[in-house]
């Protein structure tokens, strides 16, 4: 299985997941949020549940696809963690 540097995972969160959260849930277009526009077609609660499931899946996807190289390098005797 491929190795993923923990720094790339943090960049993935900062540059992809948080902007996705902002665009879908917080940003308003035409006086409505994107999640509300989706909610009009599939139902408000259903849209929120679907977005939550997709967001959580995108959050944990790197854990499923990759192994973290840095987690294998933790030196427990010196108390160092990632640095």
PDB file of N, CA and C in Angstrom:
ATOM      1  N   UNK A   1       0.838  -1.167   0.000  1.00  0.00           N
ATOM      2  CA  UNK A   1       0.000   0.000   0.000  1.00  0.00           C
ATOM      3  C   UNK A   1       0.893   1.244   0.000  1.00  0.00           C
ATOM      4  N   UNK A   2       0.475   2.281  -0.702  1.00  0.00           N
ATOM      5  CA  UNK A   2       1.256   3.509  -0.790  1.00  0.00           C
ATOM      6  C   UNK A   2       1.286   4.243   0.542  1.00  0.00           C
ATOM      7  N   UNK A   3       2.329   5.053   0.676  1.00  0.00           N
ATOM      8  CA  UNK A   3       2.511   5.835   1.887  1.00  0.00           C
ATOM      9  C   UNK A   3       2.077   7.278   1.643  1.00  0.00           C
ATOM     10  N   UNK A   4       1.469   7.888   2.639  1.00  0.00           N
ATOM     11  CA  UNK A   4       1.035   9.274   2.550  1.00  0.00           C
ATOM     12  C   UNK A   4       1.691  10.062   3.664  1.00  0.00           C
ATOM     13  N   UNK A   5       2.350  11.140   3.300  1.00  0.00           N
ATOM     14  CA  UNK A   5       2.950  12.020   4.284  1.00  0.00           C
ATOM     15  C   UNK A   5       1.838  12.772   5.014  1.00  0.00           C
ATOM     16  N   UNK A   6       1.956  12.871   6.327  1.00  0.00           N
ATOM     17  CA  UNK A   6       0.910  13.523   7.123  1.00  0.00           C
ATOM     18  C   UNK A   6       0.738  14.985   6.736  1.00  0.00           C
ATOM     19  N   UNK A   7       1.810  15.617   6.258  1.00  0.00           N
ATOM     20  CA  UNK A   7       1.713  17.018   5.832  1.00  0.00           C
ATOM     21  C   UNK A   7       0.782  17.173   4.627  1.00  0.00           C
ATOM     22  N   UNK A   8       0.787  16.205   3.719  1.00  0.00           N
ATOM     23  CA  UNK A   8      -0.119  16.253   2.579  1.00  0.00           C
ATOM     24  C   UNK A   8      -1.573  16.082   3.022  1.00  0.00           C
ATOM     25  N   UNK A   9      -1.776  15.282   4.047  1.00  0.00           N
ATOM     26  CA  UNK A   9      -3.127  15.100   4.578  1.00  0.00           C
ATOM     27  C   UNK A   9      -3.647  16.407   5.166  1.00  0.00           C
ATOM     28  N   UNK A  10      -2.809  17.113   5.910  1.00  0.00           N
ATOM     29  CA  UNK A  10      -3.213  18.399   6.466  1.00  0.00           C
ATOM     30  C   UNK A  10      -3.501  19.404   5.357  1.00  0.00           C
ATOM     31  N   UNK A  11      -2.693  19.395   4.307  1.00  0.00           N
ATOM     32  CA  UNK A  11      -2.956  20.272   3.163  1.00  0.00           C
ATOM     33  C   UNK A  11      -4.276  19.912   2.488  1.00  0.00           C
ATOM     34  N   UNK A  12      -4.563  18.633   2.367  1.00  0.00           N
ATOM     35  CA  UNK A  12      -5.830  18.157   1.803  1.00  0.00           C
ATOM     36  C   UNK A  12      -7.005  18.704   2.604  1.00  0.00           C
ATOM     37  N   UNK A  13      -6.884  18.682   3.918  1.00  0.00           N
ATOM     38  CA  UNK A  13      -7.954  19.196   4.770  1.00  0.00           C
ATOM     39  C   UNK A  13      -8.093  20.702   4.601  1.00  0.00           C
ATOM     40  N   UNK A  14      -6.972  21.407   4.662  1.00  0.00           N
ATOM     41  CA  UNK A  14      -7.022  22.864   4.606  1.00  0.00           C
ATOM     42  C   UNK A  14      -7.413  23.416   3.239  1.00  0.00           C
ATOM     43  N   UNK A  15      -6.923  22.786   2.174  1.00  0.00           N
ATOM     44  CA  UNK A  15      -7.146  23.335   0.842  1.00  0.00           C
ATOM     45  C   UNK A  15      -8.343  22.742   0.107  1.00  0.00           C
ATOM     46  N   UNK A  16      -8.886  21.621   0.589  1.00  0.00           N
ATOM     47  CA  UNK A  16     -10.020  21.016  -0.101  1.00  0.00           C
ATOM     48  C   UNK A  16     -11.260  20.894   0.793  1.00  0.00           C
ATOM     49  N   UNK A  17     -11.119  20.282   1.957  1.00  0.00           N
ATOM     50  CA  UNK A  17     -12.305  20.004   2.766  1.00  0.00           C
ATOM     51  C   UNK A  17     -12.910  21.260   3.394  1.00  0.00           C
ATOM     52  N   UNK A  18     -12.085  22.135   3.956  1.00  0.00           N
ATOM     53  CA  UNK A  18     -12.642  23.340   4.555  1.00  0.00           C
ATOM     54  C   UNK A  18     -13.251  24.274   3.513  1.00  0.00           C
ATOM     55  N   UNK A  19     -12.606  24.470   2.347  1.00  0.00           N
ATOM     56  CA  UNK A  19     -13.295  25.267   1.312  1.00  0.00           C
ATOM     57  C   UNK A  19     -14.588  24.617   0.818  1.00  0.00           C
ATOM     58  N   UNK A  20     -14.619  23.291   0.735  1.00  0.00           N
ATOM     59  CA  UNK A  20     -15.847  22.595   0.352  1.00  0.00           C
ATOM     60  C   UNK A  20     -16.943  22.858   1.373  1.00  0.00           C
ATOM     61  N   UNK A  21     -16.598  22.798   2.634  1.00  0.00           N
ATOM     62  CA  UNK A  21     -17.559  23.093   3.692  1.00  0.00           C
ATOM     63  C   UNK A  21     -18.067  24.534   3.585  1.00  0.00           C
ATOM     64  N   UNK A  22     -17.164  25.449   3.307  1.00  0.00           N
ATOM     65  CA  UNK A  22     -17.559  26.857   3.159  1.00  0.00           C
ATOM     66  C   UNK A  22     -18.498  27.052   1.965  1.00  0.00           C
ATOM     67  N   UNK A  23     -18.145  26.480   0.829  1.00  0.00           N
ATOM     68  CA  UNK A  23     -18.939  26.689  -0.392  1.00  0.00           C
ATOM     69  C   UNK A  23     -20.327  26.084  -0.257  1.00  0.00           C
ATOM     70  N   UNK A  24     -20.420  24.910   0.317  1.00  0.00           N
ATOM     71  CA  UNK A  24     -21.709  24.215   0.354  1.00  0.00           C
ATOM     72  C   UNK A  24     -22.593  24.714   1.493  1.00  0.00           C
ATOM     73  N   UNK A  25     -22.021  24.960   2.660  1.00  0.00           N
ATOM     74  CA  UNK A  25     -22.840  25.244   3.837  1.00  0.00           C
ATOM     75  C   UNK A  25     -22.915  26.732   4.179  1.00  0.00           C
ATOM     76  N   UNK A  26     -21.823  27.469   4.023  1.00  0.00           N
ATOM     77  CA  UNK A  26     -21.787  28.837   4.530  1.00  0.00           C
ATOM     78  C   UNK A  26     -21.993  29.919   3.473  1.00  0.00           C
ATOM     79  N   UNK A  27     -21.461  29.740   2.283  1.00  0.00           N
ATOM     80  CA  UNK A  27     -21.523  30.791   1.260  1.00  0.00           C
ATOM     81  C   UNK A  27     -22.922  30.878   0.667  1.00  0.00           C
ATOM     82  N   UNK A  28     -23.370  32.088   0.479  1.00  0.00           N
ATOM     83  CA  UNK A  28     -24.704  32.289  -0.086  1.00  0.00           C
ATOM     84  C   UNK A  28     -24.600  32.713  -1.547  1.00  0.00           C
ATOM     85  N   UNK A  29     -25.408  32.086  -2.385  1.00  0.00           N
ATOM     86  CA  UNK A  29     -25.521  32.480  -3.791  1.00  0.00           C
ATOM     87  C   UNK A  29     -26.981  32.791  -4.045  1.00  0.00           C
ATOM     88  N   UNK A  30     -27.254  33.954  -4.602  1.00  0.00           N
ATOM     89  CA  UNK A  30     -28.633  34.384  -4.871  1.00  0.00           C
ATOM     90  C   UNK A  30     -29.492  34.323  -3.596  1.00  0.00           C
ATOM     91  N   UNK A  31     -28.900  34.763  -2.486  1.00  0.00           N
ATOM     92  CA  UNK A  31     -29.594  34.831  -1.186  1.00  0.00           C
ATOM     93  C   UNK A  31     -29.921  33.466  -0.600  1.00  0.00           C
ATOM     94  N   UNK A  32     -29.379  32.407  -1.181  1.00  0.00           N
ATOM     95  CA  UNK A  32     -29.593  31.060  -0.642  1.00  0.00           C
ATOM     96  C   UNK A  32     -28.269  30.327  -0.587  1.00  0.00           C
ATOM     97  N   UNK A  33     -28.144  29.452   0.381  1.00  0.00           N
ATOM     98  CA  UNK A  33     -26.952  28.625   0.489  1.00  0.00           C
ATOM     99  C   UNK A  33     -27.103  27.430  -0.449  1.00  0.00           C
ATOM    100  N   UNK A  34     -25.985  26.881  -0.871  1.00  0.00           N
ATOM    101  CA  UNK A  34     -26.004  25.758  -1.805  1.00  0.00           C
ATOM    102  C   UNK A  34     -26.712  24.554  -1.198  1.00  0.00           C
ATOM    103  N   UNK A  35     -26.538  24.346   0.098  1.00  0.00           N
ATOM    104  CA  UNK A  35     -27.209  23.222   0.750  1.00  0.00           C
ATOM    105  C   UNK A  35     -28.727  23.422   0.743  1.00  0.00           C
ATOM    106  N   UNK A  36     -29.179  24.675   0.803  1.00  0.00           N
ATOM    107  CA  UNK A  36     -30.620  24.941   0.738  1.00  0.00           C
ATOM    108  C   UNK A  36     -31.165  24.697  -0.663  1.00  0.00           C
ATOM    109  N   UNK A  37     -30.368  25.037  -1.686  1.00  0.00           N
ATOM    110  CA  UNK A  37     -30.800  24.761  -3.058  1.00  0.00           C
ATOM    111  C   UNK A  37     -30.917  23.262  -3.295  1.00  0.00           C
ATOM    112  N   UNK A  38     -29.979  22.495  -2.765  1.00  0.00           N
ATOM    113  CA  UNK A  38     -30.060  21.037  -2.870  1.00  0.00           C
ATOM    114  C   UNK A  38     -31.235  20.515  -2.057  1.00  0.00           C
ATOM    115  N   UNK A  39     -31.484  21.160  -0.923  1.00  0.00           N
ATOM    116  CA  UNK A  39     -32.584  20.745  -0.063  1.00  0.00           C
ATOM    117  C   UNK A  39     -33.941  20.925  -0.689  1.00  0.00           C
ATOM    118  N   UNK A  40     -34.065  21.874  -1.606  1.00  0.00           N
ATOM    119  CA  UNK A  40     -35.350  22.074  -2.289  1.00  0.00           C
ATOM    120  C   UNK A  40     -35.698  20.900  -3.191  1.00  0.00           C
ATOM    121  N   UNK A  41     -34.688  20.206  -3.706  1.00  0.00           N
ATOM    122  CA  UNK A  41     -34.978  19.090  -4.614  1.00  0.00           C
ATOM    123  C   UNK A  41     -35.096  17.743  -3.901  1.00  0.00           C
ATOM    124  N   UNK A  42     -34.317  17.539  -2.839  1.00  0.00           N
ATOM    125  CA  UNK A  42     -34.359  16.224  -2.182  1.00  0.00           C
ATOM    126  C   UNK A  42     -34.871  16.289  -0.750  1.00  0.00           C
ATOM    127  N   UNK A  43     -35.172  17.461  -0.273  1.00  0.00           N
ATOM    128  CA  UNK A  43     -35.614  17.617   1.112  1.00  0.00           C
ATOM    129  C   UNK A  43     -34.482  18.166   1.961  1.00  0.00           C
ATOM    130  N   UNK A  44     -34.827  19.066   2.868  1.00  0.00           N
ATOM    131  CA  UNK A  44     -33.798  19.764   3.628  1.00  0.00           C
ATOM    132  C   UNK A  44     -32.990  18.828   4.524  1.00  0.00           C
ATOM    133  N   UNK A  45     -33.664  17.985   5.268  1.00  0.00           N
ATOM    134  CA  UNK A  45     -32.943  17.071   6.161  1.00  0.00           C
ATOM    135  C   UNK A  45     -32.132  16.050   5.378  1.00  0.00           C
ATOM    136  N   UNK A  46     -32.685  15.566   4.286  1.00  0.00           N
ATOM    137  CA  UNK A  46     -31.967  14.595   3.456  1.00  0.00           C
ATOM    138  C   UNK A  46     -30.701  15.212   2.868  1.00  0.00           C
ATOM    139  N   UNK A  47     -30.779  16.452   2.420  1.00  0.00           N
ATOM    140  CA  UNK A  47     -29.614  17.129   1.852  1.00  0.00           C
ATOM    141  C   UNK A  47     -28.527  17.297   2.906  1.00  0.00           C
ATOM    142  N   UNK A  48     -28.909  17.661   4.116  1.00  0.00           N
ATOM    143  CA  UNK A  48     -27.919  17.835   5.185  1.00  0.00           C
ATOM    144  C   UNK A  48     -27.282  16.502   5.578  1.00  0.00           C
ATOM    145  N   UNK A  49     -28.081  15.468   5.637  1.00  0.00           N
ATOM    146  CA  UNK A  49     -27.549  14.143   5.971  1.00  0.00           C
ATOM    147  C   UNK A  49     -26.606  13.653   4.880  1.00  0.00           C
ATOM    148  N   UNK A  50     -27.002  13.820   3.613  1.00  0.00           N
ATOM    149  CA  UNK A  50     -26.138  13.406   2.501  1.00  0.00           C
ATOM    150  C   UNK A  50     -24.825  14.169   2.502  1.00  0.00           C
ATOM    151  N   UNK A  51     -24.886  15.493   2.725  1.00  0.00           N
ATOM    152  CA  UNK A  51     -23.655  16.263   2.766  1.00  0.00           C
ATOM    153  C   UNK A  51     -22.774  15.816   3.923  1.00  0.00           C
ATOM    154  N   UNK A  52     -23.356  15.564   5.084  1.00  0.00           N
ATOM    155  CA  UNK A  52     -22.582  15.107   6.238  1.00  0.00           C
ATOM    156  C   UNK A  52     -21.896  13.781   5.941  1.00  0.00           C
ATOM    157  N   UNK A  53     -22.599  12.850   5.324  1.00  0.00           N
ATOM    158  CA  UNK A  53     -22.014  11.543   4.996  1.00  0.00           C
ATOM    159  C   UNK A  53     -20.882  11.693   3.985  1.00  0.00           C
ATOM    160  N   UNK A  54     -21.108  12.510   2.944  1.00  0.00           N
ATOM    161  CA  UNK A  54     -20.067  12.724   1.932  1.00  0.00           C
ATOM    162  C   UNK A  54     -18.850  13.410   2.557  1.00  0.00           C
ATOM    163  N   UNK A  55     -19.079  14.401   3.400  1.00  0.00           N
ATOM    164  CA  UNK A  55     -17.977  15.114   4.035  1.00  0.00           C
ATOM    165  C   UNK A  55     -17.154  14.183   4.923  1.00  0.00           C
ATOM    166  N   UNK A  56     -17.815  13.352   5.713  1.00  0.00           N
ATOM    167  CA  UNK A  56     -17.100  12.405   6.578  1.00  0.00           C
ATOM    168  C   UNK A  56     -16.352  11.381   5.740  1.00  0.00           C
ATOM    169  N   UNK A  57     -16.944  10.902   4.659  1.00  0.00           N
ATOM    170  CA  UNK A  57     -16.251   9.950   3.789  1.00  0.00           C
ATOM    171  C   UNK A  57     -15.006  10.576   3.162  1.00  0.00           C
ATOM    172  N   UNK A  58     -15.115  11.823   2.719  1.00  0.00           N
ATOM    173  CA  UNK A  58     -13.941  12.501   2.166  1.00  0.00           C
ATOM    174  C   UNK A  58     -12.879  12.739   3.233  1.00  0.00           C
ATOM    175  N   UNK A  59     -13.312  12.944   4.467  1.00  0.00           N
ATOM    176  CA  UNK A  59     -12.378  13.166   5.560  1.00  0.00           C
ATOM    177  C   UNK A  59     -11.566  11.900   5.862  1.00  0.00           C
ATOM    178  N   UNK A  60     -12.231  10.734   5.859  1.00  0.00           N
ATOM    179  CA  UNK A  60     -11.526   9.503   6.230  1.00  0.00           C
ATOM    180  C   UNK A  60     -10.995   8.732   5.027  1.00  0.00           C
ATOM    181  N   UNK A  61     -11.283   9.160   3.818  1.00  0.00           N
ATOM    182  CA  UNK A  61     -10.811   8.454   2.628  1.00  0.00           C
ATOM    183  C   UNK A  61      -9.299   8.241   2.606  1.00  0.00           C
ATOM    184  N   UNK A  62      -8.482   9.233   2.960  1.00  0.00           N
ATOM    185  CA  UNK A  62      -7.034   8.971   2.975  1.00  0.00           C
ATOM    186  C   UNK A  62      -6.631   7.877   3.964  1.00  0.00           C
ATOM    187  N   UNK A  63      -7.364   7.729   5.067  1.00  0.00           N
ATOM    188  CA  UNK A  63      -7.067   6.646   6.007  1.00  0.00           C
ATOM    189  C   UNK A  63      -7.321   5.284   5.366  1.00  0.00           C
ATOM    190  N   UNK A  64      -8.320   5.209   4.507  1.00  0.00           N
ATOM    191  CA  UNK A  64      -8.682   3.949   3.874  1.00  0.00           C
ATOM    192  C   UNK A  64      -7.719   3.613   2.731  1.00  0.00           C
ATOM    193  N   UNK A  65      -7.354   4.616   1.939  1.00  0.00           N
ATOM    194  CA  UNK A  65      -6.571   4.397   0.733  1.00  0.00           C
ATOM    195  C   UNK A  65      -5.074   4.296   1.021  1.00  0.00           C
ATOM    196  N   UNK A  66      -4.579   5.079   1.962  1.00  0.00           N
ATOM    197  CA  UNK A  66      -3.146   5.162   2.204  1.00  0.00           C
ATOM    198  C   UNK A  66      -2.793   4.753   3.628  1.00  0.00           C
ATOM    199  N   UNK A  67      -1.512   4.468   3.813  1.00  0.00           N
ATOM    200  CA  UNK A  67      -0.947   4.347   5.146  1.00  0.00           C
ATOM    201  C   UNK A  67      -0.165   5.624   5.399  1.00  0.00           C
ATOM    202  N   UNK A  68      -0.145   6.067   6.625  1.00  0.00           N
ATOM    203  CA  UNK A  68       0.604   7.262   6.953  1.00  0.00           C
ATOM    204  C   UNK A  68       2.036   6.877   7.299  1.00  0.00           C
ATOM    205  N   UNK A  69       2.989   7.374   6.521  1.00  0.00           N
ATOM    206  CA  UNK A  69       4.400   7.060   6.740  1.00  0.00           C
ATOM    207  C   UNK A  69       4.874   7.592   8.084  1.00  0.00           C
ATOM    208  N   UNK A  70       4.417   8.785   8.446  1.00  0.00           N
ATOM    209  CA  UNK A  70       4.876   9.408   9.681  1.00  0.00           C
ATOM    210  C   UNK A  70       4.413   8.652  10.915  1.00  0.00           C
ATOM    211  N   UNK A  71       3.272   7.993  10.826  1.00  0.00           N
ATOM    212  CA  UNK A  71       2.782   7.252  11.974  1.00  0.00           C
ATOM    213  C   UNK A  71       3.672   6.058  12.280  1.00  0.00           C
ATOM    214  N   UNK A  72       4.380   5.569  11.275  1.00  0.00           N
ATOM    215  CA  UNK A  72       5.286   4.445  11.490  1.00  0.00           C
ATOM    216  C   UNK A  72       6.604   4.894  12.095  1.00  0.00           C
ATOM    217  N   UNK A  73       6.857   6.203  12.080  1.00  0.00           N
ATOM    218  CA  UNK A  73       8.136   6.713  12.555  1.00  0.00           C
ATOM    219  C   UNK A  73       8.043   7.335  13.947  1.00  0.00           C
ATOM    220  N   UNK A  74       6.983   7.088  14.665  1.00  0.00           N
ATOM    221  CA  UNK A  74       6.839   7.657  16.002  1.00  0.00           C
ATOM    222  C   UNK A  74       7.831   6.972  16.933  1.00  0.00           C
ATOM    223  N   UNK A  75       8.612   7.768  17.597  1.00  0.00           N
ATOM    224  CA  UNK A  75       9.604   7.263  18.543  1.00  0.00           C
ATOM    225  C   UNK A  75       9.017   7.397  19.941  1.00  0.00           C
ATOM    226  N   UNK A  76       8.445   6.327  20.458  1.00  0.00           N
ATOM    227  CA  UNK A  76       7.751   6.389  21.744  1.00  0.00           C
ATOM    228  C   UNK A  76       8.709   6.582  22.909  1.00  0.00           C
ATOM    229  N   UNK A  77       9.934   6.120  22.781  1.00  0.00           N
ATOM    230  CA  UNK A  77      10.866   6.238  23.901  1.00  0.00           C
ATOM    231  C   UNK A  77      11.292   7.682  24.145  1.00  0.00           C
ATOM    232  N   UNK A  78      11.391   8.483  23.075  1.00  0.00           N
ATOM    233  CA  UNK A  78      11.795   9.881  23.248  1.00  0.00           C
ATOM    234  C   UNK A  78      10.600  10.813  23.357  1.00  0.00           C
ATOM    235  N   UNK A  79       9.404  10.309  23.160  1.00  0.00           N
ATOM    236  CA  UNK A  79       8.202  11.123  23.266  1.00  0.00           C
ATOM    237  C   UNK A  79       7.967  12.004  22.053  1.00  0.00           C
ATOM    238  N   UNK A  80       8.650  11.749  20.975  1.00  0.00           N
ATOM    239  CA  UNK A  80       8.463  12.560  19.765  1.00  0.00           C
ATOM    240  C   UNK A  80       7.255  12.074  18.989  1.00  0.00           C
ATOM    241  N   UNK A  81       6.500  13.016  18.444  1.00  0.00           N
ATOM    242  CA  UNK A  81       5.330  12.678  17.647  1.00  0.00           C
ATOM    243  C   UNK A  81       5.306  13.591  16.434  1.00  0.00           C
ATOM    244  N   UNK A  82       5.634  13.079  15.281  1.00  0.00           N
ATOM    245  CA  UNK A  82       5.663  13.753  13.973  1.00  0.00           C
ATOM    246  C   UNK A  82       6.821  14.719  13.791  1.00  0.00           C
ATOM    247  N   UNK A  83       7.523  15.125  14.827  1.00  0.00           N
ATOM    248  CA  UNK A  83       8.601  16.076  14.625  1.00  0.00           C
ATOM    249  C   UNK A  83       9.775  15.773  15.523  1.00  0.00           C
TER     250      UNK A  83
END
